[in-house]
Amino acid sequence: MSRLRILAEGRWPGPEAGDDAGRAAARALPPLPGFAASSFNPLVAETAERCLRAHFGPADAPDRAPSRTALLLASGGGDRATARAIDSAAASGRRVPPLLFFQSNPNAVLGLVAARWKLTGPVVAVSPPGSVPGEVPPDALELAALLLSDGDADQVLVIAAEQAEAAAQPDGTERAEPAARPEQPARPGPPRPDGQPHPGSTTGPAAPPPHGDTAVALLVTLA
């Protein structure tokens, strides 16, 4: 795989989730107009925004020029809540809201991010096997390197997002549970400018993920 250099990083939850108040705030994703019934699209959008702001500054800067940045979303589980909402409506014979079908396409939220930030590179969504919450799958990094090597973009924003599992409660509502995080073998990621281990790398038994939805975004380019 071609060597990648990390330009910026964003996470959900972020550093603010280190105390009780922060953990409570971290469970409340900013709403995303036009999307409903699921936290998956707000999760992707907010994590992407954090990463892009760290590198480019504000999205609404008046002098912002279009950027040849590709968008690559990797998710093993995908938008679980939207899928459940569609299945539930179809099984009950109720009319399925058309907006849910729009949301069921992962590229929908990527298109919103691309339009807001004037990103002109390719838009790709993949579901690599063995995805681990809070880590960027190696397959996604390899695809990012391929997009860069082919000259399709100057940078790639790689977003790895996993929505929490849901468990039924006695009242019939759903309670979010973190997805299982298996023990992972050590695997290197692209080097960081500060020399620290890459956030997508593991060096032994993995720690439990934070409760709820989890995402990480890396803006990468060729080293």
C-alpha atoms as a PDB file:
ATOM      1  CA  MET A   1       0.000   0.000   0.000  1.00  0.00           C
ATOM      2  CA  SER A   2       1.225   3.497  -0.787  1.00  0.00           C
ATOM      3  CA  ARG A   3       2.302   5.457   2.270  1.00  0.00           C
ATOM      4  CA  LEU A   4      -0.254   7.955   3.511  1.00  0.00           C
ATOM      5  CA  ARG A   5       0.224  11.146   5.486  1.00  0.00           C
ATOM      6  CA  ILE A   6      -2.460  12.331   7.899  1.00  0.00           C
ATOM      7  CA  LEU A   7      -3.369  15.999   7.455  1.00  0.00           C
ATOM      8  CA  ALA A   8      -6.149  16.206  10.039  1.00  0.00           C
ATOM      9  CA  GLU A   9      -8.309  14.045  12.278  1.00  0.00           C
ATOM     10  CA  GLY A  10     -11.802  14.239  13.773  1.00  0.00           C
ATOM     11  CA  ARG A  11     -13.626  11.942  16.177  1.00  0.00           C
ATOM     12  CA  TRP A  12     -17.022  11.328  17.701  1.00  0.00           C
ATOM     13  CA  PRO A  13     -17.116  11.291  20.646  1.00  0.00           C
ATOM     14  CA  GLY A  14     -14.239  13.741  20.944  1.00  0.00           C
ATOM     15  CA  PRO A  15     -12.003  14.810  23.832  1.00  0.00           C
ATOM     16  CA  GLU A  16     -14.967  16.566  25.453  1.00  0.00           C
ATOM     17  CA  ALA A  17     -16.367  13.134  26.386  1.00  0.00           C
ATOM     18  CA  GLY A  18     -13.744  12.645  29.103  1.00  0.00           C
ATOM     19  CA  ASP A  19     -16.005  13.566  32.044  1.00  0.00           C
ATOM     20  CA  ASP A  20     -19.622  12.886  33.031  1.00  0.00           C
ATOM     21  CA  ALA A  21     -20.947  16.132  31.545  1.00  0.00           C
ATOM     22  CA  GLY A  22     -18.950  15.590  28.383  1.00  0.00           C
ATOM     23  CA  ARG A  23     -20.191  12.027  28.000  1.00  0.00           C
ATOM     24  CA  ALA A  24     -23.776  13.243  28.247  1.00  0.00           C
ATOM     25  CA  ALA A  25     -23.121  15.938  25.631  1.00  0.00           C
ATOM     26  CA  ALA A  26     -21.336  13.438  23.391  1.00  0.00           C
ATOM     27  CA  ARG A  27     -24.503  11.383  23.078  1.00  0.00           C
ATOM     28  CA  ALA A  28     -26.379  14.383  21.622  1.00  0.00           C
ATOM     29  CA  LEU A  29     -25.283  14.706  18.007  1.00  0.00           C
ATOM     30  CA  PRO A  30     -26.087  18.044  16.346  1.00  0.00           C
ATOM     31  CA  PRO A  31     -29.274  17.690  14.267  1.00  0.00           C
ATOM     32  CA  LEU A  32     -28.889  17.432  10.510  1.00  0.00           C
ATOM     33  CA  PRO A  33     -31.692  19.138   8.509  1.00  0.00           C
ATOM     34  CA  GLY A  34     -33.343  16.800   6.026  1.00  0.00           C
ATOM     35  CA  PHE A  35     -32.421  13.617   7.902  1.00  0.00           C
ATOM     36  CA  ALA A  36     -34.632  11.887  10.466  1.00  0.00           C
ATOM     37  CA  ALA A  37     -35.189   8.624  12.342  1.00  0.00           C
ATOM     38  CA  SER A  38     -31.482   7.802  12.679  1.00  0.00           C
ATOM     39  CA  SER A  39     -28.277   9.145  14.188  1.00  0.00           C
ATOM     40  CA  PHE A  40     -26.089   7.624  11.465  1.00  0.00           C
ATOM     41  CA  ASN A  41     -26.100  10.540   9.018  1.00  0.00           C
ATOM     42  CA  PRO A  42     -25.600  13.218  11.723  1.00  0.00           C
ATOM     43  CA  LEU A  43     -22.742  11.047  13.060  1.00  0.00           C
ATOM     44  CA  VAL A  44     -21.006  10.984   9.663  1.00  0.00           C
ATOM     45  CA  ALA A  45     -21.584  14.685   9.014  1.00  0.00           C
ATOM     46  CA  GLU A  46     -20.377  15.896  12.423  1.00  0.00           C
ATOM     47  CA  THR A  47     -17.222  13.749  12.371  1.00  0.00           C
ATOM     48  CA  ALA A  48     -16.420  14.903   8.837  1.00  0.00           C
ATOM     49  CA  GLU A  49     -16.962  18.541   9.848  1.00  0.00           C
ATOM     50  CA  ARG A  50     -14.579  18.228  12.787  1.00  0.00           C
ATOM     51  CA  CYS A  51     -11.843  16.855  10.578  1.00  0.00           C
ATOM     52  CA  LEU A  52     -12.351  19.334   7.730  1.00  0.00           C
ATOM     53  CA  ARG A  53     -12.469  22.328  10.096  1.00  0.00           C
ATOM     54  CA  ALA A  54      -9.163  21.231  11.621  1.00  0.00           C
ATOM     55  CA  HIS A  55      -7.502  21.446   8.200  1.00  0.00           C
ATOM     56  CA  PHE A  56      -9.438  23.995   6.148  1.00  0.00           C
ATOM     57  CA  GLY A  57     -10.975  26.287   8.759  1.00  0.00           C
ATOM     58  CA  PRO A  58     -14.671  27.309   8.616  1.00  0.00           C
ATOM     59  CA  ALA A  59     -16.779  25.838   5.813  1.00  0.00           C
ATOM     60  CA  ASP A  60     -18.457  29.196   5.121  1.00  0.00           C
ATOM     61  CA  ALA A  61     -15.231  31.175   4.586  1.00  0.00           C
ATOM     62  CA  PRO A  62     -15.986  33.626   1.735  1.00  0.00           C
ATOM     63  CA  ASP A  63     -12.709  32.889  -0.080  1.00  0.00           C
ATOM     64  CA  ARG A  64     -13.031  29.100   0.074  1.00  0.00           C
ATOM     65  CA  ALA A  65     -12.051  27.537  -3.248  1.00  0.00           C
ATOM     66  CA  PRO A  66     -13.183  24.073  -4.411  1.00  0.00           C
ATOM     67  CA  SER A  67     -10.914  21.287  -3.178  1.00  0.00           C
ATOM     68  CA  ARG A  68     -10.064  18.044  -5.021  1.00  0.00           C
ATOM     69  CA  THR A  69     -10.888  16.007  -1.935  1.00  0.00           C
ATOM     70  CA  ALA A  70     -12.505  12.588  -2.215  1.00  0.00           C
ATOM     71  CA  LEU A  71     -14.993  11.309   0.365  1.00  0.00           C
ATOM     72  CA  LEU A  72     -14.748   7.688   1.472  1.00  0.00           C
ATOM     73  CA  LEU A  73     -17.203   6.280   4.022  1.00  0.00           C
ATOM     74  CA  ALA A  74     -16.494   2.874   5.571  1.00  0.00           C
ATOM     75  CA  SER A  75     -19.054   1.200   7.822  1.00  0.00           C
ATOM     76  CA  GLY A  76     -19.482  -2.453   8.641  1.00  0.00           C
ATOM     77  CA  GLY A  77     -22.965  -2.048  10.112  1.00  0.00           C
ATOM     78  CA  GLY A  78     -24.214   0.934   8.131  1.00  0.00           C
ATOM     79  CA  ASP A  79     -27.352   2.852   9.024  1.00  0.00           C
ATOM     80  CA  ARG A  80     -29.026   0.326  11.304  1.00  0.00           C
ATOM     81  CA  ALA A  81     -31.763   2.648  12.557  1.00  0.00           C
ATOM     82  CA  THR A  82     -33.011   3.621   9.084  1.00  0.00           C
ATOM     83  CA  ALA A  83     -33.023  -0.030   8.014  1.00  0.00           C
ATOM     84  CA  ARG A  84     -35.073  -0.941  11.105  1.00  0.00           C
ATOM     85  CA  ALA A  85     -37.497   1.935  10.492  1.00  0.00           C
ATOM     86  CA  ILE A  86     -38.084   0.829   6.887  1.00  0.00           C
ATOM     87  CA  ASP A  87     -38.503  -2.836   7.900  1.00  0.00           C
ATOM     88  CA  SER A  88     -40.931  -1.916  10.678  1.00  0.00           C
ATOM     89  CA  ALA A  89     -43.082   0.274   8.434  1.00  0.00           C
ATOM     90  CA  ALA A  90     -43.156  -2.320   5.656  1.00  0.00           C
ATOM     91  CA  ALA A  91     -44.030  -5.177   8.022  1.00  0.00           C
ATOM     92  CA  SER A  92     -46.913  -3.235   9.582  1.00  0.00           C
ATOM     93  CA  GLY A  93     -48.386  -2.227   6.233  1.00  0.00           C
ATOM     94  CA  ARG A  94     -47.878   1.468   6.965  1.00  0.00           C
ATOM     95  CA  ARG A  95     -46.743   3.870   4.266  1.00  0.00           C
ATOM     96  CA  VAL A  96     -42.951   4.145   4.347  1.00  0.00           C
ATOM     97  CA  PRO A  97     -41.869   7.826   4.429  1.00  0.00           C
ATOM     98  CA  PRO A  98     -39.998   8.604   1.178  1.00  0.00           C
ATOM     99  CA  LEU A  99     -37.282  10.402   3.161  1.00  0.00           C
ATOM    100  CA  LEU A 100     -36.214   7.097   4.688  1.00  0.00           C
ATOM    101  CA  PHE A 101     -35.310   5.693   1.279  1.00  0.00           C
ATOM    102  CA  PHE A 102     -33.222   8.805   0.611  1.00  0.00           C
ATOM    103  CA  GLN A 103     -31.397   8.272   3.913  1.00  0.00           C
ATOM    104  CA  SER A 104     -30.816   4.571   3.265  1.00  0.00           C
ATOM    105  CA  ASN A 105     -28.173   5.507   0.652  1.00  0.00           C
ATOM    106  CA  PRO A 106     -24.913   6.316   2.514  1.00  0.00           C
ATOM    107  CA  ASN A 107     -23.864   8.616  -0.343  1.00  0.00           C
ATOM    108  CA  ALA A 108     -26.693  10.976   0.595  1.00  0.00           C
ATOM    109  CA  VAL A 109     -24.895  12.430   3.604  1.00  0.00           C
ATOM    110  CA  LEU A 110     -21.567  12.402   1.746  1.00  0.00           C
ATOM    111  CA  GLY A 111     -23.149  14.546  -0.976  1.00  0.00           C
ATOM    112  CA  LEU A 112     -24.282  17.021   1.657  1.00  0.00           C
ATOM    113  CA  VAL A 113     -20.762  17.270   3.098  1.00  0.00           C
ATOM    114  CA  ALA A 114     -19.253  17.631  -0.388  1.00  0.00           C
ATOM    115  CA  ALA A 115     -21.648  20.435  -1.311  1.00  0.00           C
ATOM    116  CA  ARG A 116     -21.097  22.330   1.953  1.00  0.00           C
ATOM    117  CA  TRP A 117     -17.304  22.143   1.712  1.00  0.00           C
ATOM    118  CA  LYS A 118     -16.981  22.426  -2.098  1.00  0.00           C
ATOM    119  CA  LEU A 119     -15.269  19.060  -2.415  1.00  0.00           C
ATOM    120  CA  THR A 120     -14.956  17.917  -6.033  1.00  0.00           C
ATOM    121  CA  GLY A 121     -13.368  14.469  -5.664  1.00  0.00           C
ATOM    122  CA  PRO A 122     -15.060  11.050  -5.965  1.00  0.00           C
ATOM    123  CA  VAL A 123     -17.662   9.927  -3.401  1.00  0.00           C
ATOM    124  CA  VAL A 124     -17.405   6.280  -2.295  1.00  0.00           C
ATOM    125  CA  ALA A 125     -19.147   4.204   0.385  1.00  0.00           C
ATOM    126  CA  VAL A 126     -17.924   0.717   1.333  1.00  0.00           C
ATOM    127  CA  SER A 127     -18.718  -1.923   3.957  1.00  0.00           C
ATOM    128  CA  PRO A 128     -15.442  -3.669   4.816  1.00  0.00           C
ATOM    129  CA  PRO A 129     -15.656  -6.885   6.854  1.00  0.00           C
ATOM    130  CA  GLY A 130     -14.430  -6.912  10.418  1.00  0.00           C
ATOM    131  CA  SER A 131     -14.888  -3.176  11.014  1.00  0.00           C
ATOM    132  CA  VAL A 132     -14.061  -2.134  14.578  1.00  0.00           C
ATOM    133  CA  PRO A 133     -15.765   0.919  16.154  1.00  0.00           C
ATOM    134  CA  GLY A 134     -13.354   3.831  16.529  1.00  0.00           C
ATOM    135  CA  GLU A 135     -10.820   2.523  13.996  1.00  0.00           C
ATOM    136  CA  VAL A 136     -10.302   3.077  10.274  1.00  0.00           C
ATOM    137  CA  PRO A 137     -10.363  -0.302   8.474  1.00  0.00           C
ATOM    138  CA  PRO A 138      -7.152  -1.133   6.575  1.00  0.00           C
ATOM    139  CA  ASP A 139      -9.256  -1.792   3.457  1.00  0.00           C
ATOM    140  CA  ALA A 140     -10.490   1.805   3.562  1.00  0.00           C
ATOM    141  CA  LEU A 141      -6.948   3.152   3.801  1.00  0.00           C
ATOM    142  CA  GLU A 142      -5.885   0.990   0.859  1.00  0.00           C
ATOM    143  CA  LEU A 143      -8.774   2.335  -1.218  1.00  0.00           C
ATOM    144  CA  ALA A 144      -7.851   5.896  -0.241  1.00  0.00           C
ATOM    145  CA  ALA A 145      -4.287   5.269  -1.388  1.00  0.00           C
ATOM    146  CA  LEU A 146      -5.606   3.904  -4.683  1.00  0.00           C
ATOM    147  CA  LEU A 147      -7.744   7.000  -5.290  1.00  0.00           C
ATOM    148  CA  LEU A 148      -4.715   9.204  -4.643  1.00  0.00           C
ATOM    149  CA  SER A 149      -2.321   7.117  -6.733  1.00  0.00           C
ATOM    150  CA  ASP A 150      -4.730   7.192  -9.688  1.00  0.00           C
ATOM    151  CA  GLY A 151      -4.840  10.978  -9.536  1.00  0.00           C
ATOM    152  CA  ASP A 152      -8.571  11.123  -8.767  1.00  0.00           C
ATOM    153  CA  ALA A 153      -8.006  13.473  -5.810  1.00  0.00           C
ATOM    154  CA  ASP A 154      -5.343  15.406  -3.930  1.00  0.00           C
ATOM    155  CA  GLN A 155      -6.674  14.360  -0.511  1.00  0.00           C
ATOM    156  CA  VAL A 156      -9.161  11.770   0.729  1.00  0.00           C
ATOM    157  CA  LEU A 157     -11.435  12.240   3.722  1.00  0.00           C
ATOM    158  CA  VAL A 158     -11.823   8.726   5.143  1.00  0.00           C
ATOM    159  CA  ILE A 159     -14.724   8.345   7.581  1.00  0.00           C
ATOM    160  CA  ALA A 160     -15.231   5.149   9.577  1.00  0.00           C
ATOM    161  CA  ALA A 161     -18.626   5.215  11.310  1.00  0.00           C
ATOM    162  CA  GLU A 162     -20.421   2.558  13.334  1.00  0.00           C
ATOM    163  CA  GLN A 163     -23.880   3.044  14.806  1.00  0.00           C
ATOM    164  CA  ALA A 164     -24.607   1.498  18.186  1.00  0.00           C
ATOM    165  CA  GLU A 165     -26.537  -1.724  18.333  1.00  0.00           C
ATOM    166  CA  ALA A 166     -30.056  -1.436  19.733  1.00  0.00           C
ATOM    167  CA  ALA A 167     -31.623  -3.609  22.373  1.00  0.00           C
ATOM    168  CA  ALA A 168     -35.329  -3.742  23.180  1.00  0.00           C
ATOM    169  CA  GLN A 169     -36.423  -2.372  26.548  1.00  0.00           C
ATOM    170  CA  PRO A 170     -39.513  -3.471  28.492  1.00  0.00           C
ATOM    171  CA  ASP A 171     -41.554  -0.564  27.137  1.00  0.00           C
ATOM    172  CA  GLY A 172     -40.796  -1.604  23.552  1.00  0.00           C
ATOM    173  CA  THR A 173     -38.404   1.248  22.837  1.00  0.00           C
ATOM    174  CA  GLU A 174     -34.789   0.690  21.829  1.00  0.00           C
ATOM    175  CA  ARG A 175     -31.705   1.235  23.931  1.00  0.00           C
ATOM    176  CA  ALA A 176     -28.351   1.772  22.266  1.00  0.00           C
ATOM    177  CA  GLU A 177     -25.612  -0.717  23.026  1.00  0.00           C
ATOM    178  CA  PRO A 178     -22.032  -0.556  21.755  1.00  0.00           C
ATOM    179  CA  ALA A 179     -21.148  -3.078  19.091  1.00  0.00           C
ATOM    180  CA  ALA A 180     -18.841  -5.891  20.157  1.00  0.00           C
ATOM    181  CA  ARG A 181     -15.196  -5.058  19.741  1.00  0.00           C
ATOM    182  CA  PRO A 182     -13.126  -8.187  19.144  1.00  0.00           C
ATOM    183  CA  GLU A 183      -9.474  -8.568  20.014  1.00  0.00           C
ATOM    184  CA  GLN A 184      -7.452  -7.335  17.049  1.00  0.00           C
ATOM    185  CA  PRO A 185      -3.943  -8.223  15.854  1.00  0.00           C
ATOM    186  CA  ALA A 186      -1.389  -5.461  15.614  1.00  0.00           C
ATOM    187  CA  ARG A 187      -1.477  -3.572  12.322  1.00  0.00           C
ATOM    188  CA  PRO A 188       0.293  -0.369  11.338  1.00  0.00           C
ATOM    189  CA  GLY A 189      -1.448   2.693   9.944  1.00  0.00           C
ATOM    190  CA  PRO A 190      -0.124   5.699   8.036  1.00  0.00           C
ATOM    191  CA  PRO A 191       2.492   7.715   9.940  1.00  0.00           C
ATOM    192  CA  ARG A 192       1.395  10.766  11.890  1.00  0.00           C
ATOM    193  CA  PRO A 193       3.342  14.042  11.726  1.00  0.00           C
ATOM    194  CA  ASP A 194       3.903  13.895  15.524  1.00  0.00           C
ATOM    195  CA  GLY A 195       5.272  10.353  15.396  1.00  0.00           C
ATOM    196  CA  GLN A 196       2.515   8.933  17.606  1.00  0.00           C
ATOM    197  CA  PRO A 197       0.735   5.675  16.742  1.00  0.00           C
ATOM    198  CA  HIS A 198      -1.998   6.007  14.148  1.00  0.00           C
ATOM    199  CA  PRO A 199      -5.529   5.963  15.644  1.00  0.00           C
ATOM    200  CA  GLY A 200      -6.496   3.146  13.299  1.00  0.00           C
ATOM    201  CA  SER A 201      -3.721   0.886  14.616  1.00  0.00           C
ATOM    202  CA  THR A 202      -3.970  -1.670  17.385  1.00  0.00           C
ATOM    203  CA  THR A 203      -1.143  -3.140  19.420  1.00  0.00           C
ATOM    204  CA  GLY A 204      -2.946  -5.791  21.470  1.00  0.00           C
ATOM    205  CA  PRO A 205      -6.324  -6.471  23.090  1.00  0.00           C
ATOM    206  CA  ALA A 206      -8.692  -3.691  22.135  1.00  0.00           C
ATOM    207  CA  ALA A 207     -10.295  -1.485  24.781  1.00  0.00           C
ATOM    208  CA  PRO A 208     -14.096  -1.303  24.968  1.00  0.00           C
ATOM    209  CA  PRO A 209     -15.612   1.375  22.717  1.00  0.00           C
ATOM    210  CA  PRO A 210     -17.480   4.348  24.206  1.00  0.00           C
ATOM    211  CA  HIS A 211     -21.210   3.843  24.713  1.00  0.00           C
ATOM    212  CA  GLY A 212     -23.196   4.752  21.631  1.00  0.00           C
ATOM    213  CA  ASP A 213     -22.296   5.804  18.102  1.00  0.00           C
ATOM    214  CA  THR A 214     -18.607   5.991  17.219  1.00  0.00           C
ATOM    215  CA  ALA A 215     -16.784   7.540  14.259  1.00  0.00           C
ATOM    216  CA  VAL A 216     -13.331   8.688  13.217  1.00  0.00           C
ATOM    217  CA  ALA A 217     -12.389  10.777  10.184  1.00  0.00           C
ATOM    218  CA  LEU A 218      -8.908  11.143   8.708  1.00  0.00           C
ATOM    219  CA  LEU A 219      -7.918  13.555   5.943  1.00  0.00           C
ATOM    220  CA  VAL A 220      -5.024  11.849   4.179  1.00  0.00           C
ATOM    221  CA  THR A 221      -2.739  12.402   1.230  1.00  0.00           C
ATOM    222  CA  LEU A 222       0.249  10.561  -0.221  1.00  0.00           C
ATOM    223  CA  ALA A 223       3.402  10.863   1.851  1.00  0.00           C
END
